[in-house]
Amino acid sequence: MTVNHKNLMVKTTSIQGLLILERPKHQDERGFFREIFHLDEVEEALNAEFNGIQMNHAYSEPSVLRGIHAESWNKIVYPINGQIFAAIADIRTDSPTFGKVETFVIDDLNKIALFVSKGLANSYCVTFDAPVDYIYLVDSYYDGTDTRAVAWDDPDLNIAWPIKNPIISERDKKNPKLRDLFPERFK
């Protein structure tokens, strides 16, 4: 489903609660201007409120892979520059799309934002030879206590990462497989 609001296109995906937000780029000899989202339009598409209260900024070098993390917050994610391969996995045990993954290449030619509902696991890798600045607006303060993580190379998720030998944090190297987190879903 696509919902058109003024200049915003909100596209649903095969995973409930994962939305693609697109806005036009207005470019001239000075550079460009782009609105990332309008709150009222996102809430209309979700049929729910989104109260962003904390904005985060992650800077990642080429070949860095971050994730796969699921927090108890809703967020709008937007890579400001560079190119990423984003993978969003549904690890909500009560979801009909549990275990499903949607992937996106986001760069200057395909500049989108994503709305990622709480419980969906977010990850991305830097796929080009330039670093990426990645911002995300969340509706809860980070305290580090309610984050679930899944192994980036989980065979059940079968994500076709476009880089070999990614740079991964020590913490993310220890993330469990999905079937170890939720064995009841694999019986």
N, C-alpha and C. Protein backbone atom coordinates (compact mmCIF):
# COMPACT_ATOMS: atom_id res chain seq x y z
N MET A 1 0.84 -1.18 0.00
CA MET A 1 0.00 0.00 0.00
C MET A 1 0.88 1.24 0.00
N THR A 2 0.50 2.24 -0.77
CA THR A 2 1.18 3.53 -0.78
C THR A 2 0.19 4.60 -0.39
N VAL A 3 0.56 5.45 0.54
CA VAL A 3 -0.28 6.56 0.96
C VAL A 3 0.42 7.83 0.51
N ASN A 4 -0.25 8.63 -0.32
CA ASN A 4 0.33 9.89 -0.77
C ASN A 4 -0.18 11.03 0.09
N HIS A 5 0.72 11.79 0.64
CA HIS A 5 0.39 12.97 1.45
C HIS A 5 1.21 14.11 0.88
N LYS A 6 0.56 15.08 0.27
CA LYS A 6 1.27 16.24 -0.28
C LYS A 6 2.46 15.75 -1.08
N ASN A 7 3.68 15.95 -0.57
CA ASN A 7 4.89 15.52 -1.28
C ASN A 7 5.52 14.27 -0.68
N LEU A 8 4.85 13.66 0.27
CA LEU A 8 5.41 12.49 0.95
C LEU A 8 4.76 11.23 0.42
N MET A 9 5.57 10.25 0.16
CA MET A 9 5.03 8.93 -0.15
C MET A 9 5.40 8.02 1.00
N VAL A 10 4.41 7.38 1.57
CA VAL A 10 4.62 6.40 2.62
C VAL A 10 4.26 5.06 2.02
N LYS A 11 5.24 4.17 1.99
CA LYS A 11 5.00 2.84 1.43
C LYS A 11 5.07 1.81 2.55
N THR A 12 4.12 0.92 2.55
CA THR A 12 4.18 -0.20 3.48
C THR A 12 5.08 -1.27 2.88
N THR A 13 5.49 -2.19 3.71
CA THR A 13 6.32 -3.31 3.28
C THR A 13 5.62 -4.60 3.67
N SER A 14 6.28 -5.71 3.43
CA SER A 14 5.69 -6.99 3.81
C SER A 14 5.74 -7.22 5.32
N ILE A 15 6.44 -6.35 6.04
CA ILE A 15 6.53 -6.44 7.50
C ILE A 15 5.70 -5.32 8.09
N GLN A 16 4.68 -5.68 8.88
CA GLN A 16 3.84 -4.66 9.51
C GLN A 16 4.68 -3.80 10.44
N GLY A 17 4.53 -2.47 10.31
CA GLY A 17 5.27 -1.54 11.15
C GLY A 17 6.58 -1.07 10.56
N LEU A 18 6.92 -1.55 9.38
CA LEU A 18 8.11 -1.08 8.66
C LEU A 18 7.62 -0.27 7.47
N LEU A 19 7.90 1.03 7.48
CA LEU A 19 7.44 1.92 6.43
C LEU A 19 8.62 2.57 5.72
N ILE A 20 8.44 2.84 4.45
CA ILE A 20 9.40 3.59 3.66
C ILE A 20 8.86 5.00 3.51
N LEU A 21 9.67 5.99 3.87
CA LEU A 21 9.28 7.40 3.79
C LEU A 21 10.12 8.07 2.71
N GLU A 22 9.46 8.63 1.72
CA GLU A 22 10.17 9.31 0.63
C GLU A 22 9.68 10.74 0.51
N ARG A 23 10.59 11.64 0.26
CA ARG A 23 10.25 13.04 -0.01
C ARG A 23 11.11 13.51 -1.17
N PRO A 24 10.59 14.47 -1.92
CA PRO A 24 11.37 14.95 -3.07
C PRO A 24 12.58 15.78 -2.64
N LYS A 25 13.57 15.78 -3.50
CA LYS A 25 14.76 16.61 -3.29
C LYS A 25 14.63 17.83 -4.20
N HIS A 26 14.83 19.01 -3.63
CA HIS A 26 14.78 20.26 -4.38
C HIS A 26 16.22 20.73 -4.56
N GLN A 27 16.72 20.64 -5.79
CA GLN A 27 18.12 20.91 -6.06
C GLN A 27 18.27 22.12 -6.97
N ASP A 28 19.31 22.91 -6.71
CA ASP A 28 19.68 24.00 -7.61
C ASP A 28 21.20 24.18 -7.52
N GLU A 29 21.70 25.29 -8.04
CA GLU A 29 23.14 25.50 -8.10
C GLU A 29 23.79 25.60 -6.71
N ARG A 30 23.01 25.83 -5.67
CA ARG A 30 23.55 25.93 -4.31
C ARG A 30 23.72 24.58 -3.63
N GLY A 31 22.98 23.60 -4.10
CA GLY A 31 22.94 22.29 -3.45
C GLY A 31 21.53 21.77 -3.48
N PHE A 32 21.03 21.27 -2.36
CA PHE A 32 19.65 20.77 -2.33
C PHE A 32 19.03 20.99 -0.96
N PHE A 33 17.71 20.80 -0.93
CA PHE A 33 16.92 20.84 0.30
C PHE A 33 15.94 19.68 0.24
N ARG A 34 15.82 18.97 1.36
CA ARG A 34 14.87 17.86 1.45
C ARG A 34 14.29 17.82 2.85
N GLU A 35 12.97 17.70 2.93
CA GLU A 35 12.32 17.41 4.20
C GLU A 35 12.40 15.90 4.40
N ILE A 36 12.69 15.46 5.60
CA ILE A 36 12.81 14.02 5.84
C ILE A 36 11.45 13.40 6.14
N PHE A 37 10.65 14.05 6.97
CA PHE A 37 9.31 13.54 7.25
C PHE A 37 8.48 14.63 7.88
N HIS A 38 7.17 14.45 7.84
CA HIS A 38 6.21 15.27 8.58
C HIS A 38 5.53 14.35 9.58
N LEU A 39 5.53 14.73 10.83
CA LEU A 39 4.99 13.88 11.89
C LEU A 39 3.54 13.50 11.64
N ASP A 40 2.71 14.45 11.25
CA ASP A 40 1.29 14.14 11.07
C ASP A 40 1.07 13.12 9.97
N GLU A 41 1.88 13.17 8.93
CA GLU A 41 1.74 12.22 7.83
C GLU A 41 2.17 10.81 8.23
N VAL A 42 3.24 10.73 9.01
CA VAL A 42 3.69 9.42 9.49
C VAL A 42 2.65 8.82 10.42
N GLU A 43 2.12 9.63 11.34
CA GLU A 43 1.11 9.13 12.27
C GLU A 43 -0.16 8.69 11.53
N GLU A 44 -0.53 9.41 10.49
CA GLU A 44 -1.71 9.00 9.71
C GLU A 44 -1.47 7.66 9.04
N ALA A 45 -0.29 7.47 8.49
CA ALA A 45 0.02 6.20 7.83
C ALA A 45 0.07 5.04 8.83
N LEU A 46 0.54 5.32 10.04
CA LEU A 46 0.64 4.29 11.08
C LEU A 46 -0.68 4.06 11.80
N ASN A 47 -1.54 5.06 11.76
CA ASN A 47 -2.75 5.07 12.58
C ASN A 47 -2.38 4.96 14.06
N ALA A 48 -1.30 5.65 14.41
CA ALA A 48 -0.79 5.65 15.79
C ALA A 48 0.08 6.89 15.98
N GLU A 49 0.30 7.25 17.23
CA GLU A 49 1.16 8.39 17.53
C GLU A 49 2.63 7.99 17.52
N PHE A 50 3.47 8.93 17.15
CA PHE A 50 4.92 8.79 17.27
C PHE A 50 5.43 10.05 17.94
N ASN A 51 5.98 9.89 19.13
CA ASN A 51 6.48 11.03 19.90
C ASN A 51 7.99 10.93 20.02
N GLY A 52 8.70 11.39 19.00
CA GLY A 52 10.15 11.35 19.02
C GLY A 52 10.70 12.25 20.12
N ILE A 53 11.55 11.68 20.99
CA ILE A 53 12.08 12.45 22.12
C ILE A 53 13.60 12.44 22.20
N GLN A 54 14.26 11.59 21.42
CA GLN A 54 15.72 11.54 21.45
C GLN A 54 16.21 11.31 20.03
N MET A 55 17.19 12.12 19.59
CA MET A 55 17.78 11.93 18.27
C MET A 55 19.21 11.45 18.46
N ASN A 56 19.57 10.40 17.72
CA ASN A 56 20.89 9.80 17.82
C ASN A 56 21.62 9.93 16.49
N HIS A 57 22.95 9.93 16.56
CA HIS A 57 23.78 10.06 15.37
C HIS A 57 24.88 9.01 15.47
N ALA A 58 24.96 8.15 14.46
CA ALA A 58 26.03 7.15 14.39
C ALA A 58 26.88 7.45 13.16
N TYR A 59 28.18 7.43 13.34
CA TYR A 59 29.13 7.62 12.26
C TYR A 59 29.82 6.29 12.05
N SER A 60 29.84 5.81 10.80
CA SER A 60 30.43 4.50 10.52
C SER A 60 31.37 4.58 9.34
N GLU A 61 32.51 3.96 9.49
CA GLU A 61 33.52 3.89 8.43
C GLU A 61 33.12 2.84 7.39
N PRO A 62 33.75 2.86 6.21
CA PRO A 62 33.47 1.84 5.20
C PRO A 62 33.66 0.43 5.77
N SER A 63 32.80 -0.47 5.36
CA SER A 63 32.80 -1.90 5.73
C SER A 63 32.31 -2.16 7.15
N VAL A 64 31.86 -1.14 7.86
CA VAL A 64 31.29 -1.36 9.20
C VAL A 64 29.90 -1.95 9.05
N LEU A 65 29.60 -2.94 9.88
CA LEU A 65 28.27 -3.53 9.95
C LEU A 65 27.78 -3.35 11.39
N ARG A 66 26.63 -2.72 11.54
CA ARG A 66 26.04 -2.50 12.87
C ARG A 66 24.76 -3.33 12.98
N GLY A 67 24.63 -4.05 14.08
CA GLY A 67 23.41 -4.80 14.31
C GLY A 67 23.68 -6.29 14.38
N ILE A 68 22.66 -6.94 14.54
CA ILE A 68 21.24 -6.68 14.33
C ILE A 68 20.60 -6.43 15.70
N HIS A 69 20.00 -5.24 15.90
CA HIS A 69 19.49 -4.83 17.21
C HIS A 69 18.00 -4.51 17.15
N ALA A 70 17.27 -4.94 18.16
CA ALA A 70 15.85 -4.60 18.32
C ALA A 70 15.66 -3.97 19.69
N GLU A 71 15.15 -2.76 19.70
CA GLU A 71 14.89 -2.06 20.95
C GLU A 71 13.38 -1.94 21.16
N SER A 72 13.03 -1.47 22.34
CA SER A 72 11.61 -1.30 22.65
C SER A 72 11.18 0.13 22.34
N TRP A 73 11.64 0.65 21.22
CA TRP A 73 11.23 1.97 20.78
C TRP A 73 10.93 1.96 19.29
N ASN A 74 10.10 2.89 18.88
CA ASN A 74 9.86 3.15 17.47
C ASN A 74 10.90 4.17 17.03
N LYS A 75 11.30 4.10 15.76
CA LYS A 75 12.30 5.06 15.30
C LYS A 75 12.15 5.35 13.82
N ILE A 76 12.61 6.53 13.47
CA ILE A 76 12.76 6.93 12.07
C ILE A 76 14.25 7.01 11.83
N VAL A 77 14.74 6.25 10.86
CA VAL A 77 16.18 6.21 10.56
C VAL A 77 16.42 6.86 9.21
N TYR A 78 17.57 7.56 9.12
CA TYR A 78 17.89 8.30 7.90
C TYR A 78 19.40 8.44 7.77
N PRO A 79 20.00 7.78 6.78
CA PRO A 79 21.42 7.99 6.53
C PRO A 79 21.60 9.31 5.78
N ILE A 80 22.39 10.21 6.34
CA ILE A 80 22.55 11.54 5.76
C ILE A 80 23.39 11.49 4.48
N ASN A 81 24.45 10.71 4.51
CA ASN A 81 25.36 10.67 3.37
C ASN A 81 25.90 9.26 3.22
N GLY A 82 26.54 9.02 2.09
CA GLY A 82 27.14 7.72 1.84
C GLY A 82 26.12 6.70 1.37
N GLN A 83 26.52 5.44 1.40
CA GLN A 83 25.67 4.36 0.93
C GLN A 83 25.62 3.25 1.98
N ILE A 84 24.39 2.81 2.27
CA ILE A 84 24.24 1.69 3.20
C ILE A 84 23.37 0.61 2.57
N PHE A 85 23.56 -0.58 3.08
CA PHE A 85 22.66 -1.70 2.85
C PHE A 85 21.99 -1.93 4.19
N ALA A 86 20.69 -1.69 4.26
CA ALA A 86 19.95 -1.85 5.51
C ALA A 86 19.16 -3.15 5.48
N ALA A 87 19.16 -3.85 6.59
CA ALA A 87 18.38 -5.08 6.73
C ALA A 87 17.54 -4.97 8.00
N ILE A 88 16.23 -5.10 7.85
CA ILE A 88 15.31 -5.02 8.98
C ILE A 88 14.65 -6.39 9.11
N ALA A 89 14.80 -7.00 10.29
CA ALA A 89 14.27 -8.34 10.53
C ALA A 89 13.14 -8.27 11.55
N ASP A 90 12.10 -9.04 11.30
CA ASP A 90 10.99 -9.12 12.25
C ASP A 90 11.31 -10.23 13.25
N ILE A 91 11.63 -9.83 14.49
CA ILE A 91 11.91 -10.84 15.52
C ILE A 91 10.85 -10.79 16.62
N ARG A 92 9.69 -10.24 16.30
CA ARG A 92 8.56 -10.22 17.25
C ARG A 92 7.92 -11.60 17.21
N THR A 93 7.96 -12.31 18.32
CA THR A 93 7.50 -13.71 18.33
C THR A 93 6.02 -13.85 18.04
N ASP A 94 5.23 -12.82 18.27
CA ASP A 94 3.79 -12.90 18.01
C ASP A 94 3.42 -12.40 16.61
N SER A 95 4.39 -12.10 15.79
CA SER A 95 4.14 -11.55 14.46
C SER A 95 3.98 -12.65 13.42
N PRO A 96 3.04 -12.49 12.49
CA PRO A 96 2.91 -13.47 11.40
C PRO A 96 4.10 -13.45 10.44
N THR A 97 4.91 -12.40 10.50
CA THR A 97 6.09 -12.35 9.63
C THR A 97 7.38 -12.55 10.42
N PHE A 98 7.28 -13.23 11.57
CA PHE A 98 8.47 -13.54 12.37
C PHE A 98 9.53 -14.19 11.47
N GLY A 99 10.75 -13.68 11.55
CA GLY A 99 11.86 -14.23 10.78
C GLY A 99 12.02 -13.64 9.39
N LYS A 100 11.08 -12.83 8.96
CA LYS A 100 11.16 -12.21 7.64
C LYS A 100 12.10 -11.02 7.68
N VAL A 101 12.81 -10.78 6.57
CA VAL A 101 13.76 -9.68 6.46
C VAL A 101 13.43 -8.85 5.22
N GLU A 102 13.48 -7.54 5.37
CA GLU A 102 13.39 -6.61 4.23
C GLU A 102 14.74 -5.90 4.14
N THR A 103 15.25 -5.74 2.91
CA THR A 103 16.53 -5.06 2.72
C THR A 103 16.35 -3.86 1.80
N PHE A 104 17.25 -2.90 1.98
CA PHE A 104 17.20 -1.65 1.21
C PHE A 104 18.62 -1.17 0.96
N VAL A 105 18.86 -0.67 -0.24
CA VAL A 105 20.08 0.08 -0.52
C VAL A 105 19.67 1.55 -0.47
N ILE A 106 20.32 2.30 0.40
CA ILE A 106 20.00 3.72 0.56
C ILE A 106 21.26 4.51 0.25
N ASP A 107 21.15 5.40 -0.73
CA ASP A 107 22.28 6.24 -1.13
C ASP A 107 21.74 7.54 -1.69
N ASP A 108 22.60 8.33 -2.32
CA ASP A 108 22.16 9.63 -2.83
C ASP A 108 21.12 9.51 -3.94
N LEU A 109 21.12 8.42 -4.68
CA LEU A 109 20.12 8.22 -5.74
C LEU A 109 18.81 7.67 -5.20
N ASN A 110 18.87 6.95 -4.12
CA ASN A 110 17.69 6.35 -3.50
C ASN A 110 17.65 6.77 -2.03
N LYS A 111 17.34 8.04 -1.80
CA LYS A 111 17.38 8.60 -0.45
C LYS A 111 16.01 8.46 0.19
N ILE A 112 15.91 7.54 1.11
CA ILE A 112 14.67 7.29 1.83
C ILE A 112 14.95 7.30 3.32
N ALA A 113 13.90 7.43 4.09
CA ALA A 113 13.95 7.21 5.53
C ALA A 113 13.09 5.98 5.80
N LEU A 114 13.34 5.32 6.89
CA LEU A 114 12.55 4.16 7.28
C LEU A 114 11.93 4.41 8.65
N PHE A 115 10.68 4.03 8.80
CA PHE A 115 10.06 3.98 10.12
C PHE A 115 10.14 2.53 10.55
N VAL A 116 10.79 2.28 11.68
CA VAL A 116 11.02 0.93 12.20
C VAL A 116 10.29 0.81 13.54
N SER A 117 9.25 0.00 13.58
CA SER A 117 8.46 -0.18 14.81
C SER A 117 9.26 -0.94 15.86
N LYS A 118 8.89 -0.69 17.12
CA LYS A 118 9.54 -1.38 18.23
C LYS A 118 9.43 -2.89 18.03
N GLY A 119 10.52 -3.56 18.36
CA GLY A 119 10.57 -5.01 18.22
C GLY A 119 11.15 -5.49 16.90
N LEU A 120 11.18 -4.63 15.89
CA LEU A 120 11.86 -4.99 14.64
C LEU A 120 13.35 -4.79 14.85
N ALA A 121 14.15 -5.67 14.27
CA ALA A 121 15.60 -5.61 14.45
C ALA A 121 16.22 -4.87 13.27
N ASN A 122 16.98 -3.85 13.59
CA ASN A 122 17.56 -2.95 12.61
C ASN A 122 19.06 -3.22 12.47
N SER A 123 19.55 -3.19 11.24
CA SER A 123 20.98 -3.34 11.01
C SER A 123 21.33 -2.69 9.68
N TYR A 124 22.60 -2.33 9.55
CA TYR A 124 23.06 -1.79 8.28
C TYR A 124 24.56 -1.95 8.17
N CYS A 125 25.03 -1.93 6.92
CA CYS A 125 26.47 -1.92 6.68
C CYS A 125 26.79 -0.83 5.67
N VAL A 126 28.00 -0.30 5.78
CA VAL A 126 28.47 0.75 4.88
C VAL A 126 29.08 0.05 3.67
N THR A 127 28.50 0.30 2.50
CA THR A 127 28.84 -0.48 1.31
C THR A 127 29.74 0.23 0.32
N PHE A 128 30.07 1.47 0.57
CA PHE A 128 30.89 2.20 -0.39
C PHE A 128 32.18 2.59 0.31
N ASP A 129 33.06 3.29 -0.39
CA ASP A 129 34.36 3.63 0.19
C ASP A 129 34.36 4.94 0.96
N ALA A 130 33.19 5.44 1.30
CA ALA A 130 33.07 6.66 2.10
C ALA A 130 32.28 6.35 3.37
N PRO A 131 32.57 7.05 4.46
CA PRO A 131 31.81 6.82 5.69
C PRO A 131 30.37 7.28 5.57
N VAL A 132 29.57 6.88 6.56
CA VAL A 132 28.15 7.21 6.59
C VAL A 132 27.81 7.87 7.93
N ASP A 133 27.01 8.92 7.85
CA ASP A 133 26.39 9.52 9.03
C ASP A 133 24.93 9.08 9.01
N TYR A 134 24.50 8.49 10.11
CA TYR A 134 23.19 7.84 10.20
C TYR A 134 22.48 8.43 11.41
N ILE A 135 21.34 9.06 11.18
CA ILE A 135 20.61 9.64 12.31
C ILE A 135 19.31 8.87 12.52
N TYR A 136 18.88 8.83 13.76
CA TYR A 136 17.60 8.20 14.05
C TYR A 136 16.93 8.89 15.23
N LEU A 137 15.63 9.11 15.03
CA LEU A 137 14.78 9.75 16.02
C LEU A 137 13.95 8.66 16.68
N VAL A 138 14.00 8.60 18.00
CA VAL A 138 13.34 7.51 18.74
C VAL A 138 12.32 8.07 19.72
N ASP A 139 11.37 7.23 20.11
CA ASP A 139 10.30 7.70 21.00
C ASP A 139 10.47 7.24 22.45
N SER A 140 11.69 6.88 22.82
CA SER A 140 12.00 6.49 24.19
C SER A 140 13.48 6.79 24.44
N TYR A 141 13.82 7.08 25.68
CA TYR A 141 15.22 7.34 25.99
C TYR A 141 15.99 6.02 26.07
N TYR A 142 17.21 6.04 25.58
CA TYR A 142 18.07 4.86 25.61
C TYR A 142 18.61 4.67 27.02
N ASP A 143 18.45 3.46 27.52
CA ASP A 143 19.07 3.14 28.81
C ASP A 143 19.84 1.82 28.75
N GLY A 144 19.83 1.17 27.60
CA GLY A 144 20.63 -0.03 27.41
C GLY A 144 20.07 -1.30 28.01
N THR A 145 18.89 -1.23 28.62
CA THR A 145 18.39 -2.41 29.32
C THR A 145 17.46 -3.29 28.48
N ASP A 146 16.89 -2.74 27.43
CA ASP A 146 15.90 -3.53 26.69
C ASP A 146 16.25 -3.63 25.21
N THR A 147 17.42 -4.16 24.94
CA THR A 147 17.85 -4.36 23.56
C THR A 147 18.04 -5.85 23.34
N ARG A 148 17.43 -6.35 22.29
CA ARG A 148 17.68 -7.72 21.87
C ARG A 148 18.57 -7.65 20.65
N ALA A 149 19.44 -8.61 20.52
CA ALA A 149 20.36 -8.63 19.39
C ALA A 149 20.42 -10.02 18.80
N VAL A 150 20.62 -10.06 17.50
CA VAL A 150 20.70 -11.31 16.76
C VAL A 150 21.99 -11.29 15.95
N ALA A 151 22.58 -12.46 15.75
CA ALA A 151 23.81 -12.57 14.97
C ALA A 151 23.62 -12.04 13.56
N TRP A 152 24.57 -11.25 13.11
CA TRP A 152 24.50 -10.64 11.77
C TRP A 152 24.50 -11.70 10.66
N ASP A 153 25.10 -12.84 10.94
CA ASP A 153 25.21 -13.91 9.94
C ASP A 153 24.28 -15.09 10.24
N ASP A 154 23.17 -14.81 10.91
CA ASP A 154 22.21 -15.86 11.28
C ASP A 154 21.69 -16.56 10.03
N PRO A 155 21.87 -17.88 9.92
CA PRO A 155 21.42 -18.59 8.72
C PRO A 155 19.90 -18.61 8.56
N ASP A 156 19.15 -18.48 9.65
CA ASP A 156 17.69 -18.44 9.52
C ASP A 156 17.22 -17.13 8.91
N LEU A 157 17.95 -16.06 9.13
CA LEU A 157 17.59 -14.78 8.51
C LEU A 157 18.13 -14.70 7.08
N ASN A 158 19.26 -15.36 6.84
CA ASN A 158 19.82 -15.49 5.49
C ASN A 158 19.95 -14.14 4.77
N ILE A 159 20.56 -13.18 5.44
CA ILE A 159 20.75 -11.85 4.84
C ILE A 159 21.95 -11.90 3.90
N ALA A 160 21.76 -11.45 2.68
CA ALA A 160 22.82 -11.44 1.67
C ALA A 160 23.61 -10.13 1.79
N TRP A 161 24.45 -10.05 2.82
CA TRP A 161 25.25 -8.84 3.02
C TRP A 161 26.16 -8.62 1.82
N PRO A 162 26.26 -7.40 1.33
CA PRO A 162 27.04 -7.15 0.11
C PRO A 162 28.53 -6.93 0.35
N ILE A 163 29.00 -7.07 1.58
CA ILE A 163 30.43 -6.90 1.85
C ILE A 163 30.97 -8.17 2.49
N LYS A 164 32.23 -8.43 2.22
CA LYS A 164 32.91 -9.56 2.83
C LYS A 164 33.78 -9.02 3.97
N ASN A 165 33.94 -9.78 5.00
CA ASN A 165 34.77 -9.40 6.15
C ASN A 165 34.38 -8.05 6.74
N PRO A 166 33.13 -7.91 7.18
CA PRO A 166 32.71 -6.63 7.76
C PRO A 166 33.41 -6.35 9.08
N ILE A 167 33.48 -5.08 9.42
CA ILE A 167 34.01 -4.64 10.71
C ILE A 167 32.83 -4.63 11.68
N ILE A 168 32.93 -5.45 12.73
CA ILE A 168 31.82 -5.66 13.65
C ILE A 168 32.32 -5.43 15.08
N SER A 169 31.49 -4.85 15.91
CA SER A 169 31.87 -4.63 17.31
C SER A 169 32.03 -5.97 18.03
N GLU A 170 32.82 -5.96 19.09
CA GLU A 170 32.99 -7.18 19.89
C GLU A 170 31.65 -7.64 20.44
N ARG A 171 30.82 -6.70 20.84
CA ARG A 171 29.49 -7.05 21.37
C ARG A 171 28.65 -7.77 20.31
N ASP A 172 28.64 -7.23 19.09
CA ASP A 172 27.81 -7.84 18.04
C ASP A 172 28.36 -9.18 17.56
N LYS A 173 29.64 -9.41 17.73
CA LYS A 173 30.21 -10.72 17.37
C LYS A 173 29.65 -11.83 18.26
N LYS A 174 29.14 -11.46 19.44
CA LYS A 174 28.63 -12.44 20.41
C LYS A 174 27.11 -12.58 20.36
N ASN A 175 26.45 -11.89 19.44
CA ASN A 175 24.99 -11.97 19.39
C ASN A 175 24.53 -13.39 19.08
N PRO A 176 23.47 -13.85 19.74
CA PRO A 176 22.98 -15.21 19.52
C PRO A 176 22.20 -15.34 18.20
N LYS A 177 22.02 -16.56 17.79
CA LYS A 177 21.18 -16.86 16.64
C LYS A 177 19.71 -16.71 17.05
N LEU A 178 18.87 -16.47 16.08
CA LEU A 178 17.44 -16.29 16.33
C LEU A 178 16.83 -17.52 17.01
N ARG A 179 17.22 -18.71 16.55
CA ARG A 179 16.65 -19.94 17.13
C ARG A 179 17.14 -20.19 18.55
N ASP A 180 18.27 -19.57 18.93
CA ASP A 180 18.72 -19.67 20.32
C ASP A 180 17.94 -18.71 21.22
N LEU A 181 17.54 -17.56 20.67
CA LEU A 181 16.73 -16.60 21.42
C LEU A 181 15.29 -17.09 21.60
N PHE A 182 14.75 -17.68 20.54
CA PHE A 182 13.33 -18.08 20.53
C PHE A 182 13.18 -19.53 20.06
N PRO A 183 13.68 -20.50 20.84
CA PRO A 183 13.64 -21.89 20.39
C PRO A 183 12.22 -22.40 20.14
N GLU A 184 11.24 -21.84 20.87
CA GLU A 184 9.85 -22.29 20.70
C GLU A 184 9.32 -21.99 19.30
N ARG A 185 9.90 -21.02 18.61
CA ARG A 185 9.44 -20.67 17.26
C ARG A 185 10.02 -21.60 16.19
N PHE A 186 10.94 -22.48 16.58
CA PHE A 186 11.61 -23.35 15.61
C PHE A 186 11.33 -24.83 15.86
N LYS A 187 10.26 -25.13 16.61
CA LYS A 187 9.91 -26.52 16.90
C LYS A 187 9.12 -27.10 15.76
